[in-house]
PDB file of N, CA and C in Angstrom:
ATOM      1  N   MET A   1      14.296   9.193  17.705  1.00  0.00           N
ATOM      2  CA  MET A   1      13.342   8.103  17.642  1.00  0.00           C
ATOM      3  C   MET A   1      14.043   6.861  17.108  1.00  0.00           C
ATOM      4  N   GLN A   2      13.827   5.762  17.775  1.00  0.00           N
ATOM      5  CA  GLN A   2      14.385   4.492  17.334  1.00  0.00           C
ATOM      6  C   GLN A   2      13.407   3.813  16.378  1.00  0.00           C
ATOM      7  N   LEU A   3      13.922   3.407  15.215  1.00  0.00           N
ATOM      8  CA  LEU A   3      13.059   2.724  14.252  1.00  0.00           C
ATOM      9  C   LEU A   3      12.702   1.340  14.759  1.00  0.00           C
ATOM     10  N   LYS A   4      11.467   0.990  14.564  1.00  0.00           N
ATOM     11  CA  LYS A   4      10.951  -0.314  14.960  1.00  0.00           C
ATOM     12  C   LYS A   4      10.250  -0.939  13.763  1.00  0.00           C
ATOM     13  N   PRO A   5      10.032  -2.256  13.805  1.00  0.00           N
ATOM     14  CA  PRO A   5       9.323  -2.900  12.691  1.00  0.00           C
ATOM     15  C   PRO A   5       7.985  -2.240  12.367  1.00  0.00           C
ATOM     16  N   MET A   6       7.281  -1.733  13.396  1.00  0.00           N
ATOM     17  CA  MET A   6       5.979  -1.109  13.138  1.00  0.00           C
ATOM     18  C   MET A   6       6.103   0.190  12.342  1.00  0.00           C
ATOM     19  N   HIS A   7       7.315   0.747  12.257  1.00  0.00           N
ATOM     20  CA  HIS A   7       7.542   1.943  11.448  1.00  0.00           C
ATOM     21  C   HIS A   7       7.944   1.591  10.015  1.00  0.00           C
ATOM     22  N   ILE A   8       8.625   0.479   9.850  1.00  0.00           N
ATOM     23  CA  ILE A   8       9.144   0.088   8.541  1.00  0.00           C
ATOM     24  C   ILE A   8       8.142  -0.743   7.745  1.00  0.00           C
ATOM     25  N   GLN A   9       7.397  -1.614   8.410  1.00  0.00           N
ATOM     26  CA  GLN A   9       6.480  -2.520   7.718  1.00  0.00           C
ATOM     27  C   GLN A   9       5.474  -1.796   6.839  1.00  0.00           C
ATOM     28  N   PRO A  10       4.815  -0.731   7.301  1.00  0.00           N
ATOM     29  CA  PRO A  10       3.862  -0.051   6.410  1.00  0.00           C
ATOM     30  C   PRO A  10       4.526   0.584   5.195  1.00  0.00           C
ATOM     31  N   VAL A  11       5.765   1.026   5.333  1.00  0.00           N
ATOM     32  CA  VAL A  11       6.482   1.620   4.200  1.00  0.00           C
ATOM     33  C   VAL A  11       6.772   0.552   3.150  1.00  0.00           C
ATOM     34  N   ILE A  12       7.227  -0.613   3.594  1.00  0.00           N
ATOM     35  CA  ILE A  12       7.515  -1.708   2.661  1.00  0.00           C
ATOM     36  C   ILE A  12       6.223  -2.220   2.022  1.00  0.00           C
ATOM     37  N   MET A  13       5.199  -2.416   2.843  1.00  0.00           N
ATOM     38  CA  MET A  13       3.919  -2.912   2.321  1.00  0.00           C
ATOM     39  C   MET A  13       3.334  -1.927   1.303  1.00  0.00           C
ATOM     40  N   SER A  14       3.401  -0.645   1.598  1.00  0.00           N
ATOM     41  CA  SER A  14       2.850   0.340   0.672  1.00  0.00           C
ATOM     42  C   SER A  14       3.655   0.394  -0.623  1.00  0.00           C
ATOM     43  N   ALA A  15       4.970   0.177  -0.544  1.00  0.00           N
ATOM     44  CA  ALA A  15       5.785   0.148  -1.765  1.00  0.00           C
ATOM     45  C   ALA A  15       5.380  -1.023  -2.648  1.00  0.00           C
ATOM     46  N   ILE A  16       5.179  -2.183  -2.027  1.00  0.00           N
ATOM     47  CA  ILE A  16       4.767  -3.363  -2.791  1.00  0.00           C
ATOM     48  C   ILE A  16       3.395  -3.133  -3.429  1.00  0.00           C
ATOM     49  N   MET A  17       2.444  -2.658  -2.635  1.00  0.00           N
ATOM     50  CA  MET A  17       1.094  -2.438  -3.149  1.00  0.00           C
ATOM     51  C   MET A  17       1.072  -1.348  -4.220  1.00  0.00           C
ATOM     52  N   ALA A  18       1.747  -0.236  -3.972  1.00  0.00           N
ATOM     53  CA  ALA A  18       1.766   0.849  -4.962  1.00  0.00           C
ATOM     54  C   ALA A  18       2.451   0.391  -6.246  1.00  0.00           C
ATOM     55  N   GLY A  19       3.530  -0.368  -6.111  1.00  0.00           N
ATOM     56  CA  GLY A  19       4.223  -0.866  -7.300  1.00  0.00           C
ATOM     57  C   GLY A  19       3.351  -1.794  -8.125  1.00  0.00           C
ATOM     58  N   LEU A  20       2.698  -2.737  -7.461  1.00  0.00           N
ATOM     59  CA  LEU A  20       1.828  -3.675  -8.187  1.00  0.00           C
ATOM     60  C   LEU A  20       0.627  -2.972  -8.804  1.00  0.00           C
ATOM     61  N   MET A  21      -0.011  -2.118  -8.033  1.00  0.00           N
ATOM     62  CA  MET A  21      -1.220  -1.455  -8.532  1.00  0.00           C
ATOM     63  C   MET A  21      -0.909  -0.479  -9.668  1.00  0.00           C
ATOM     64  N   THR A  22       0.120   0.342  -9.508  1.00  0.00           N
ATOM     65  CA  THR A  22       0.444   1.292 -10.582  1.00  0.00           C
ATOM     66  C   THR A  22       0.931   0.558 -11.825  1.00  0.00           C
ATOM     67  N   GLY A  23       1.687  -0.519 -11.630  1.00  0.00           N
ATOM     68  CA  GLY A  23       2.133  -1.300 -12.780  1.00  0.00           C
ATOM     69  C   GLY A  23       0.972  -1.927 -13.521  1.00  0.00           C
ATOM     70  N   PHE A  24       0.037  -2.507 -12.767  1.00  0.00           N
ATOM     71  CA  PHE A  24      -1.121  -3.158 -13.384  1.00  0.00           C
ATOM     72  C   PHE A  24      -2.025  -2.147 -14.088  1.00  0.00           C
ATOM     73  N   VAL A  25      -2.312  -1.037 -13.428  1.00  0.00           N
ATOM     74  CA  VAL A  25      -3.196  -0.038 -14.031  1.00  0.00           C
ATOM     75  C   VAL A  25      -2.527   0.632 -15.237  1.00  0.00           C
ATOM     76  N   THR A  26      -1.223   0.876 -15.150  1.00  0.00           N
ATOM     77  CA  THR A  26      -0.509   1.435 -16.306  1.00  0.00           C
ATOM     78  C   THR A  26      -0.563   0.460 -17.474  1.00  0.00           C
ATOM     79  N   TRP A  27      -0.356  -0.805 -17.190  1.00  0.00           N
ATOM     80  CA  TRP A  27      -0.433  -1.827 -18.240  1.00  0.00           C
ATOM     81  C   TRP A  27      -1.834  -1.906 -18.834  1.00  0.00           C
ATOM     82  N   LEU A  28      -2.880  -1.878 -17.973  1.00  0.00           N
ATOM     83  CA  LEU A  28      -4.255  -1.924 -18.479  1.00  0.00           C
ATOM     84  C   LEU A  28      -4.566  -0.742 -19.395  1.00  0.00           C
ATOM     85  N   ASN A  29      -4.118   0.429 -18.989  1.00  0.00           N
ATOM     86  CA  ASN A  29      -4.441   1.634 -19.752  1.00  0.00           C
ATOM     87  C   ASN A  29      -3.603   1.798 -21.019  1.00  0.00           C
ATOM     88  N   LEU A  30      -2.346   1.382 -20.995  1.00  0.00           N
ATOM     89  CA  LEU A  30      -1.448   1.664 -22.112  1.00  0.00           C
ATOM     90  C   LEU A  30      -0.923   0.439 -22.830  1.00  0.00           C
ATOM     91  N   GLY A  31      -0.979  -0.715 -22.169  1.00  0.00           N
ATOM     92  CA  GLY A  31      -0.295  -1.880 -22.709  1.00  0.00           C
ATOM     93  C   GLY A  31       1.204  -1.701 -22.504  1.00  0.00           C
ATOM     94  N   ILE A  32       1.968  -2.620 -23.050  1.00  0.00           N
ATOM     95  CA  ILE A  32       3.423  -2.516 -22.932  1.00  0.00           C
ATOM     96  C   ILE A  32       3.924  -1.660 -24.095  1.00  0.00           C
ATOM     97  N   GLN A  33       4.264  -0.445 -23.779  1.00  0.00           N
ATOM     98  CA  GLN A  33       4.789   0.524 -24.741  1.00  0.00           C
ATOM     99  C   GLN A  33       6.284   0.722 -24.474  1.00  0.00           C
ATOM    100  N   PRO A  34       6.999   1.315 -25.404  1.00  0.00           N
ATOM    101  CA  PRO A  34       8.430   1.564 -25.170  1.00  0.00           C
ATOM    102  C   PRO A  34       8.697   2.434 -23.935  1.00  0.00           C
ATOM    103  N   ASP A  35       7.784   3.346 -23.623  1.00  0.00           N
ATOM    104  CA  ASP A  35       7.983   4.227 -22.466  1.00  0.00           C
ATOM    105  C   ASP A  35       7.260   3.718 -21.211  1.00  0.00           C
ATOM    106  N   PHE A  36       6.867   2.435 -21.227  1.00  0.00           N
ATOM    107  CA  PHE A  36       6.157   1.864 -20.080  1.00  0.00           C
ATOM    108  C   PHE A  36       6.912   2.044 -18.763  1.00  0.00           C
ATOM    109  N   PRO A  37       8.210   1.714 -18.693  1.00  0.00           N
ATOM    110  CA  PRO A  37       8.905   1.872 -17.405  1.00  0.00           C
ATOM    111  C   PRO A  37       8.884   3.320 -16.882  1.00  0.00           C
ATOM    112  N   ALA A  38       9.018   4.284 -17.763  1.00  0.00           N
ATOM    113  CA  ALA A  38       8.996   5.688 -17.341  1.00  0.00           C
ATOM    114  C   ALA A  38       7.613   6.089 -16.835  1.00  0.00           C
ATOM    115  N   ARG A  39       6.584   5.669 -17.548  1.00  0.00           N
ATOM    116  CA  ARG A  39       5.211   6.000 -17.112  1.00  0.00           C
ATOM    117  C   ARG A  39       4.866   5.303 -15.803  1.00  0.00           C
ATOM    118  N   TRP A  40       5.275   4.038 -15.679  1.00  0.00           N
ATOM    119  CA  TRP A  40       5.046   3.303 -14.444  1.00  0.00           C
ATOM    120  C   TRP A  40       5.795   3.970 -13.290  1.00  0.00           C
ATOM    121  N   GLY A  41       7.031   4.342 -13.547  1.00  0.00           N
ATOM    122  CA  GLY A  41       7.822   5.017 -12.523  1.00  0.00           C
ATOM    123  C   GLY A  41       7.193   6.319 -12.062  1.00  0.00           C
ATOM    124  N   ASN A  42       6.678   7.109 -12.992  1.00  0.00           N
ATOM    125  CA  ASN A  42       6.009   8.365 -12.631  1.00  0.00           C
ATOM    126  C   ASN A  42       4.775   8.108 -11.772  1.00  0.00           C
ATOM    127  N   ALA A  43       3.992   7.119 -12.157  1.00  0.00           N
ATOM    128  CA  ALA A  43       2.798   6.792 -11.368  1.00  0.00           C
ATOM    129  C   ALA A  43       3.194   6.294  -9.978  1.00  0.00           C
ATOM    130  N   PHE A  44       4.240   5.486  -9.905  1.00  0.00           N
ATOM    131  CA  PHE A  44       4.691   4.950  -8.626  1.00  0.00           C
ATOM    132  C   PHE A  44       5.194   6.056  -7.699  1.00  0.00           C
ATOM    133  N   ILE A  45       5.962   6.994  -8.231  1.00  0.00           N
ATOM    134  CA  ILE A  45       6.511   8.092  -7.425  1.00  0.00           C
ATOM    135  C   ILE A  45       5.385   8.918  -6.799  1.00  0.00           C
ATOM    136  N   ILE A  46       4.290   9.059  -7.498  1.00  0.00           N
ATOM    137  CA  ILE A  46       3.135   9.794  -6.955  1.00  0.00           C
ATOM    138  C   ILE A  46       2.357   8.924  -5.967  1.00  0.00           C
ATOM    139  N   ALA A  47       2.177   7.656  -6.292  1.00  0.00           N
ATOM    140  CA  ALA A  47       1.311   6.780  -5.489  1.00  0.00           C
ATOM    141  C   ALA A  47       1.951   6.334  -4.179  1.00  0.00           C
ATOM    142  N   TRP A  48       3.261   6.100  -4.158  1.00  0.00           N
ATOM    143  CA  TRP A  48       3.876   5.515  -2.972  1.00  0.00           C
ATOM    144  C   TRP A  48       3.745   6.382  -1.718  1.00  0.00           C
ATOM    145  N   PRO A  49       4.039   7.677  -1.772  1.00  0.00           N
ATOM    146  CA  PRO A  49       3.849   8.477  -0.554  1.00  0.00           C
ATOM    147  C   PRO A  49       2.397   8.504  -0.080  1.00  0.00           C
ATOM    148  N   ILE A  50       1.470   8.535  -1.023  1.00  0.00           N
ATOM    149  CA  ILE A  50       0.053   8.531  -0.652  1.00  0.00           C
ATOM    150  C   ILE A  50      -0.304   7.195   0.002  1.00  0.00           C
ATOM    151  N   ALA A  51       0.168   6.103  -0.572  1.00  0.00           N
ATOM    152  CA  ALA A  51      -0.096   4.781  -0.014  1.00  0.00           C
ATOM    153  C   ALA A  51       0.544   4.630   1.369  1.00  0.00           C
ATOM    154  N   THR A  52       1.733   5.191   1.554  1.00  0.00           N
ATOM    155  CA  THR A  52       2.405   5.100   2.849  1.00  0.00           C
ATOM    156  C   THR A  52       1.620   5.856   3.913  1.00  0.00           C
ATOM    157  N   ALA A  53       1.226   7.081   3.611  1.00  0.00           N
ATOM    158  CA  ALA A  53       0.442   7.863   4.577  1.00  0.00           C
ATOM    159  C   ALA A  53      -0.874   7.165   4.896  1.00  0.00           C
ATOM    160  N   THR A  54      -1.510   6.621   3.882  1.00  0.00           N
ATOM    161  CA  THR A  54      -2.768   5.906   4.086  1.00  0.00           C
ATOM    162  C   THR A  54      -2.553   4.662   4.945  1.00  0.00           C
ATOM    163  N   SER A  55      -1.454   3.962   4.734  1.00  0.00           N
ATOM    164  CA  SER A  55      -1.156   2.773   5.532  1.00  0.00           C
ATOM    165  C   SER A  55      -1.036   3.122   7.008  1.00  0.00           C
ATOM    166  N   PHE A  56      -0.276   4.171   7.312  1.00  0.00           N
ATOM    167  CA  PHE A  56      -0.120   4.570   8.709  1.00  0.00           C
ATOM    168  C   PHE A  56      -1.447   5.026   9.314  1.00  0.00           C
ATOM    169  N   ALA A  57      -2.257   5.720   8.530  1.00  0.00           N
ATOM    170  CA  ALA A  57      -3.557   6.180   9.025  1.00  0.00           C
ATOM    171  C   ALA A  57      -4.526   5.019   9.214  1.00  0.00           C
ATOM    172  N   ALA A  58      -4.404   3.995   8.394  1.00  0.00           N
ATOM    173  CA  ALA A  58      -5.348   2.878   8.441  1.00  0.00           C
ATOM    174  C   ALA A  58      -5.025   1.856   9.524  1.00  0.00           C
ATOM    175  N   ILE A  59      -3.809   1.847  10.041  1.00  0.00           N
ATOM    176  CA  ILE A  59      -3.428   0.832  11.031  1.00  0.00           C
ATOM    177  C   ILE A  59      -4.365   0.824  12.235  1.00  0.00           C
ATOM    178  N   PRO A  60      -4.594   1.951  12.914  1.00  0.00           N
ATOM    179  CA  PRO A  60      -5.477   1.878  14.087  1.00  0.00           C
ATOM    180  C   PRO A  60      -6.916   1.488  13.736  1.00  0.00           C
ATOM    181  N   ILE A  61      -7.368   1.922  12.586  1.00  0.00           N
ATOM    182  CA  ILE A  61      -8.722   1.576  12.152  1.00  0.00           C
ATOM    183  C   ILE A  61      -8.821   0.075  11.897  1.00  0.00           C
ATOM    184  N   SER A  62      -7.843  -0.484  11.198  1.00  0.00           N
ATOM    185  CA  SER A  62      -7.893  -1.920  10.891  1.00  0.00           C
ATOM    186  C   SER A  62      -7.730  -2.771  12.148  1.00  0.00           C
ATOM    187  N   VAL A  63      -6.931  -2.307  13.104  1.00  0.00           N
ATOM    188  CA  VAL A  63      -6.784  -3.048  14.364  1.00  0.00           C
ATOM    189  C   VAL A  63      -8.121  -3.090  15.106  1.00  0.00           C
ATOM    190  N   LYS A  64      -8.803  -1.948  15.181  1.00  0.00           N
ATOM    191  CA  LYS A  64     -10.103  -1.903  15.864  1.00  0.00           C
ATOM    192  C   LYS A  64     -11.137  -2.768  15.144  1.00  0.00           C
ATOM    193  N   LEU A  65     -11.206  -2.661  13.837  1.00  0.00           N
ATOM    194  CA  LEU A  65     -12.176  -3.453  13.085  1.00  0.00           C
ATOM    195  C   LEU A  65     -11.894  -4.949  13.210  1.00  0.00           C
ATOM    196  N   THR A  66     -10.628  -5.322  13.177  1.00  0.00           N
ATOM    197  CA  THR A  66     -10.274  -6.731  13.336  1.00  0.00           C
ATOM    198  C   THR A  66     -10.714  -7.236  14.703  1.00  0.00           C
ATOM    199  N   GLY A  67     -10.481  -6.440  15.732  1.00  0.00           N
ATOM    200  CA  GLY A  67     -10.925  -6.816  17.076  1.00  0.00           C
ATOM    201  C   GLY A  67     -12.427  -6.991  17.151  1.00  0.00           C
ATOM    202  N   LYS A  68     -13.170  -6.089  16.530  1.00  0.00           N
ATOM    203  CA  LYS A  68     -14.633  -6.186  16.531  1.00  0.00           C
ATOM    204  C   LYS A  68     -15.117  -7.416  15.768  1.00  0.00           C
ATOM    205  N   ILE A  69     -14.486  -7.717  14.655  1.00  0.00           N
ATOM    206  CA  ILE A  69     -14.859  -8.893  13.874  1.00  0.00           C
ATOM    207  C   ILE A  69     -14.600 -10.161  14.677  1.00  0.00           C
ATOM    208  N   PHE A  70     -13.448 -10.250  15.314  1.00  0.00           N
ATOM    209  CA  PHE A  70     -13.134 -11.428  16.105  1.00  0.00           C
ATOM    210  C   PHE A  70     -14.067 -11.541  17.314  1.00  0.00           C
ATOM    211  N   ALA A  71     -14.407 -10.412  17.929  1.00  0.00           N
ATOM    212  CA  ALA A  71     -15.330 -10.429  19.053  1.00  0.00           C
ATOM    213  C   ALA A  71     -16.707 -10.911  18.596  1.00  0.00           C
ATOM    214  N   ALA A  72     -17.154 -10.440  17.434  1.00  0.00           N
ATOM    215  CA  ALA A  72     -18.465 -10.850  16.912  1.00  0.00           C
ATOM    216  C   ALA A  72     -18.496 -12.337  16.564  1.00  0.00           C
ATOM    217  N   LEU A  73     -17.351 -12.856  16.131  1.00  0.00           N
ATOM    218  CA  LEU A  73     -17.271 -14.268  15.780  1.00  0.00           C
ATOM    219  C   LEU A  73     -17.016 -15.163  16.995  1.00  0.00           C
ATOM    220  N   GLY A  74     -16.767 -14.529  18.117  1.00  0.00           N
ATOM    221  CA  GLY A  74     -16.494 -15.294  19.333  1.00  0.00           C
ATOM    222  C   GLY A  74     -15.102 -15.872  19.367  1.00  0.00           C
ATOM    223  N   ALA A  75     -14.217 -15.373  18.550  1.00  0.00           N
ATOM    224  CA  ALA A  75     -12.843 -15.861  18.508  1.00  0.00           C
ATOM    225  C   ALA A  75     -11.985 -15.070  19.493  1.00  0.00           C
ATOM    226  N   LYS A  76     -10.871 -15.669  19.845  1.00  0.00           N
ATOM    227  CA  LYS A  76      -9.944 -14.986  20.768  1.00  0.00           C
ATOM    228  C   LYS A  76      -8.668 -14.630  20.082  1.00  0.00           C
TER     229      LYS A  76
END
């Protein structure tokens, strides 16, 4: 299989989202503690694969919904 942007983009996007969300939620729950990077890293390692799988699963759904929204708005 040849890698294409449509294969890489969801992985990068999910890494960014998982990193920001786990960092923010870890900070909200614990504040900045000495072990913050380790706790954030643990949360990220768990969240990123889940976010990646969800991203790939959500692509066709979001494409269809976007099309329906644009059709309802009369946009092209």
